C-alpha atoms as a PDB file:
ATOM      1  CA  MET A   1      -0.326   0.086  -0.154  1.00  0.00           C
ATOM      2  CA  PRO A   2       1.660   3.539  -1.123  1.00  0.00           C
ATOM      3  CA  GLY A   3       2.088   5.746   1.285  1.00  0.00           C
ATOM      4  CA  ARG A   4       1.864   3.723   4.546  1.00  0.00           C
ATOM      5  CA  GLY A   5       5.035   3.788   6.876  1.00  0.00           C
ATOM      6  CA  ALA A   6       5.811   2.717  10.642  1.00  0.00           C
ATOM      7  CA  TRP A   7       8.488   4.390  12.816  1.00  0.00           C
ATOM      8  CA  LEU A   8      10.931   2.453  15.321  1.00  0.00           C
ATOM      9  CA  THR A   9      12.985   2.977  17.714  1.00  0.00           C
ATOM     10  CA  PRO A  10      16.330   1.529  16.199  1.00  0.00           C
ATOM     11  CA  THR A  11      17.268  -1.123  19.173  1.00  0.00           C
ATOM     12  CA  VAL A  12      16.212  -4.526  19.146  1.00  0.00           C
ATOM     13  CA  GLU A  13      14.339  -4.012  22.313  1.00  0.00           C
ATOM     14  CA  ALA A  14      12.219  -1.696  20.376  1.00  0.00           C
ATOM     15  CA  TYR A  15      11.483  -4.261  17.264  1.00  0.00           C
ATOM     16  CA  GLU A  16      10.778  -7.529  19.682  1.00  0.00           C
ATOM     17  CA  LEU A  17       8.361  -5.319  21.573  1.00  0.00           C
ATOM     18  CA  ALA A  18       6.759  -4.289  18.551  1.00  0.00           C
ATOM     19  CA  VAL A  19       6.309  -7.718  17.025  1.00  0.00           C
ATOM     20  CA  LYS A  20       5.260  -8.762  20.484  1.00  0.00           C
ATOM     21  CA  ARG A  21       2.225  -6.009  20.110  1.00  0.00           C
ATOM     22  CA  ARG A  22       1.770  -6.943  16.464  1.00  0.00           C
ATOM     23  CA  ALA A  23       2.545  -3.117  15.868  1.00  0.00           C
ATOM     24  CA  PHE A  24       3.989  -3.610  12.299  1.00  0.00           C
ATOM     25  CA  ARG A  25       0.387  -4.807  11.442  1.00  0.00           C
ATOM     26  CA  ARG A  26      -1.458  -2.303  12.563  1.00  0.00           C
ATOM     27  CA  ALA A  27       0.548   0.746  11.788  1.00  0.00           C
ATOM     28  CA  LEU A  28       0.861  -0.637   8.364  1.00  0.00           C
ATOM     29  CA  ARG A  29      -2.409  -1.704   8.296  1.00  0.00           C
ATOM     30  CA  LEU A  30      -2.061  -5.409   6.957  1.00  0.00           C
ATOM     31  CA  ASP A  31      -4.418  -8.166   7.277  1.00  0.00           C
ATOM     32  CA  ARG A  32      -1.437 -10.605   8.680  1.00  0.00           C
ATOM     33  CA  GLU A  33       2.173 -10.383   9.820  1.00  0.00           C
ATOM     34  CA  PRO A  34       4.929  -8.809   7.612  1.00  0.00           C
ATOM     35  CA  ASP A  35       8.110 -10.524   6.917  1.00  0.00           C
ATOM     36  CA  THR A  36      10.416  -8.164   9.498  1.00  0.00           C
ATOM     37  CA  SER A  37      13.311 -10.277   9.446  1.00  0.00           C
ATOM     38  CA  ALA A  38      15.293  -7.741   7.433  1.00  0.00           C
ATOM     39  CA  VAL A  39      14.789  -4.874  10.189  1.00  0.00           C
ATOM     40  CA  LEU A  40      15.833  -7.288  12.551  1.00  0.00           C
ATOM     41  CA  GLU A  41      18.999  -8.409  10.789  1.00  0.00           C
ATOM     42  CA  TYR A  42      19.483  -4.254  10.328  1.00  0.00           C
ATOM     43  CA  LEU A  43      19.051  -3.406  13.795  1.00  0.00           C
ATOM     44  CA  ARG A  44      21.871  -5.972  14.962  1.00  0.00           C
ATOM     45  CA  SER A  45      24.055  -4.774  12.421  1.00  0.00           C
ATOM     46  CA  LEU A  46      24.093  -1.407  14.417  1.00  0.00           C
ATOM     47  CA  PRO A  47      26.978  -0.363  16.787  1.00  0.00           C
ATOM     48  CA  GLU A  48      25.468  -0.482  20.580  1.00  0.00           C
ATOM     49  CA  VAL A  49      24.967   3.159  21.491  1.00  0.00           C
ATOM     50  CA  GLU A  50      25.578   4.045  25.086  1.00  0.00           C
ATOM     51  CA  PRO A  51      22.701   5.154  26.677  1.00  0.00           C
ATOM     52  CA  HIS A  52      21.938   9.040  27.322  1.00  0.00           C
ATOM     53  CA  HIS A  53      22.125   9.723  31.103  1.00  0.00           C
ATOM     54  CA  THR A  54      20.381  13.246  31.874  1.00  0.00           C
ATOM     55  CA  ASP A  55      20.269  14.576  35.653  1.00  0.00           C
ATOM     56  CA  THR A  56      16.730  14.990  37.273  1.00  0.00           C
ATOM     57  CA  SER A  57      16.369  18.627  36.678  1.00  0.00           C
ATOM     58  CA  THR A  58      16.303  18.082  32.780  1.00  0.00           C
ATOM     59  CA  ARG A  59      13.945  14.597  32.958  1.00  0.00           C
ATOM     60  CA  ASP A  60      11.694  17.441  35.123  1.00  0.00           C
ATOM     61  CA  GLU A  61      11.548  19.515  32.227  1.00  0.00           C
ATOM     62  CA  HIS A  62      11.131  17.077  29.504  1.00  0.00           C
ATOM     63  CA  PRO A  63       8.973  14.411  30.701  1.00  0.00           C
ATOM     64  CA  ASP A  64       9.762  10.995  28.860  1.00  0.00           C
ATOM     65  CA  THR A  65       7.075   9.923  26.315  1.00  0.00           C
ATOM     66  CA  THR A  66       7.960   6.505  26.787  1.00  0.00           C
ATOM     67  CA  GLU A  67       4.838   6.089  28.403  1.00  0.00           C
ATOM     68  CA  GLN A  68       2.469   8.161  26.248  1.00  0.00           C
ATOM     69  CA  ALA A  69       4.260   6.098  23.078  1.00  0.00           C
ATOM     70  CA  GLU A  70       2.855   2.793  24.584  1.00  0.00           C
ATOM     71  CA  ARG A  71      -0.353   3.933  24.860  1.00  0.00           C
ATOM     72  CA  LEU A  72      -0.823   5.498  21.314  1.00  0.00           C
ATOM     73  CA  MET A  73       0.655   1.797  20.043  1.00  0.00           C
ATOM     74  CA  ASP A  74      -2.130  -0.218  22.000  1.00  0.00           C
ATOM     75  CA  ASN A  75      -4.766   2.085  20.065  1.00  0.00           C
END
């Protein structure tokens, strides 16, 4: 289907969660699960990135949107 796309944080953990929640199928509006093995292969080829640590004052100014994103994925 032209014009359809899905955004994914480039980590294996995010990929596994998306597969578990069937997010690819939902985002792409498909009748069945797509073959995403190439996505997993690509993510595994990426170099490991150290997590970015911020102090609590910055975290309070910019709240974590992970919970919000998860709620949106469930819809």
